Amino acid sequence: MTSSLQAHVVGRADEVPVGEGRAFTAGGTPVAVFRLRDGSLRAVAAVCPHAGGPLADGQSDAKVVVCPLHLNAWRWDGTPTTGAGPLPVYAVREEDGALVVEL
């Protein structure tokens, strides 16, 4: 059995400033969308699997997400780098000014 991804418009691309993240909901799933310093986008699960922290308030680069509750102690690059549970990573793109996340 194969599953296909579904695209969800979660908001406007201009809602996410460069170097910051914002929380959205895609098809009932909380997601954190980051606009990296180079302008590219990154989307991951919005909740820290360790303590439920708001990952959109954390920091991200192209490879690592850092939970704001743990001051660099809990980080993910899709898989845990510090003993935390796995962090779902989602495809995200800008389409006609809208943020589109695929789940």
Protein backbone atom coordinates (compact mmCIF):
# COMPACT_ATOMS: atom_id res chain seq x y z
CA MET A 1 0.00 0.00 0.00
CA THR A 2 1.41 3.39 -0.96
CA SER A 3 0.30 6.72 0.34
CA SER A 4 0.41 9.96 -1.56
CA LEU A 5 1.34 13.28 -0.08
CA GLN A 6 -1.32 15.93 0.27
CA ALA A 7 -0.53 19.61 -0.24
CA HIS A 8 -1.93 22.10 2.29
CA VAL A 9 -1.83 25.88 2.05
CA VAL A 10 -0.96 26.97 5.59
CA GLY A 11 -0.52 30.71 5.25
CA ARG A 12 1.27 33.48 3.38
CA ALA A 13 4.99 33.26 2.72
CA ASP A 14 5.49 36.83 3.96
CA GLU A 15 4.29 35.74 7.43
CA VAL A 16 7.69 34.09 8.01
CA PRO A 17 10.55 36.63 8.21
CA VAL A 18 14.07 35.64 7.19
CA GLY A 19 15.84 33.87 10.04
CA GLU A 20 12.64 33.06 11.94
CA GLY A 21 9.99 30.36 12.23
CA ARG A 22 6.20 30.38 12.56
CA ALA A 23 3.71 27.72 13.63
CA PHE A 24 0.92 26.65 11.28
CA THR A 25 -1.53 23.78 10.93
CA ALA A 26 -1.53 21.60 7.82
CA GLY A 27 -4.48 19.23 7.59
CA GLY A 28 -4.77 19.12 11.38
CA THR A 29 -1.04 18.58 11.89
CA PRO A 30 0.97 21.30 13.69
CA VAL A 31 4.00 22.31 11.62
CA ALA A 32 6.82 24.80 12.12
CA VAL A 33 7.92 26.63 8.98
CA PHE A 34 11.29 28.41 8.97
CA ARG A 35 12.65 30.89 6.43
CA LEU A 36 16.37 30.33 6.48
CA ARG A 37 18.87 33.16 6.10
CA ASP A 38 19.34 32.30 2.43
CA GLY A 39 15.57 32.73 1.91
CA SER A 40 14.80 29.03 1.52
CA LEU A 41 12.04 27.34 3.51
CA ARG A 42 12.08 24.40 5.91
CA ALA A 43 9.15 22.64 7.62
CA VAL A 44 9.19 20.22 10.54
CA ALA A 45 6.78 19.02 13.22
CA ALA A 46 5.88 22.00 15.42
CA VAL A 47 6.22 20.21 18.76
CA CYS A 48 9.40 19.00 20.47
CA PRO A 49 9.07 15.21 20.86
CA HIS A 50 10.97 15.41 24.16
CA ALA A 51 9.05 18.03 26.16
CA GLY A 52 6.42 19.49 23.84
CA GLY A 53 8.28 22.75 23.25
CA PRO A 54 7.20 25.10 20.42
CA LEU A 55 9.83 24.42 17.76
CA ALA A 56 8.76 27.40 15.63
CA ASP A 57 10.19 29.56 18.44
CA GLY A 58 13.52 27.72 18.17
CA GLN A 59 16.32 28.05 15.67
CA SER A 60 16.89 26.27 12.41
CA ASP A 61 19.37 26.08 9.59
CA ALA A 62 19.36 23.82 6.55
CA LYS A 63 20.25 20.77 8.66
CA VAL A 64 19.41 21.28 12.34
CA VAL A 65 16.41 22.42 14.41
CA VAL A 66 17.01 23.47 18.04
CA CYS A 67 14.20 23.41 20.62
CA PRO A 68 13.85 26.78 22.41
CA LEU A 69 13.22 25.05 25.75
CA HIS A 70 16.51 23.21 25.76
CA LEU A 71 19.13 25.79 24.78
CA ASN A 72 20.91 23.60 22.24
CA ALA A 73 20.48 20.44 24.30
CA TRP A 74 17.83 18.90 22.02
CA ARG A 75 18.47 19.13 18.30
CA TRP A 76 17.40 17.28 15.19
CA ASP A 77 18.54 16.97 11.63
CA GLY A 78 15.45 14.89 10.78
CA THR A 79 16.84 12.20 13.05
CA PRO A 80 17.87 12.95 16.63
CA THR A 81 21.40 14.20 17.23
CA THR A 82 21.10 14.22 21.03
CA GLY A 83 19.00 11.22 22.03
CA ALA A 84 15.61 12.79 21.31
CA GLY A 85 12.88 11.03 19.36
CA PRO A 86 12.69 11.46 15.58
CA LEU A 87 11.33 14.72 14.22
CA PRO A 88 9.08 14.60 11.14
CA VAL A 89 10.32 16.77 8.27
CA TYR A 90 7.92 17.98 5.58
CA ALA A 91 8.30 19.32 2.07
CA VAL A 92 7.43 23.03 1.90
CA ARG A 93 7.36 25.52 -0.94
CA GLU A 94 6.14 28.98 -1.81
CA GLU A 95 3.48 29.03 -4.51
CA ASP A 96 2.07 32.38 -5.68
CA GLY A 97 2.87 33.91 -2.28
CA ALA A 98 1.31 31.04 -0.31
CA LEU A 99 3.14 28.54 1.91
CA VAL A 100 2.36 24.99 0.82
CA VAL A 101 3.28 22.06 3.10
CA GLU A 102 3.05 18.45 1.96
CA LEU A 103 2.09 15.77 4.47
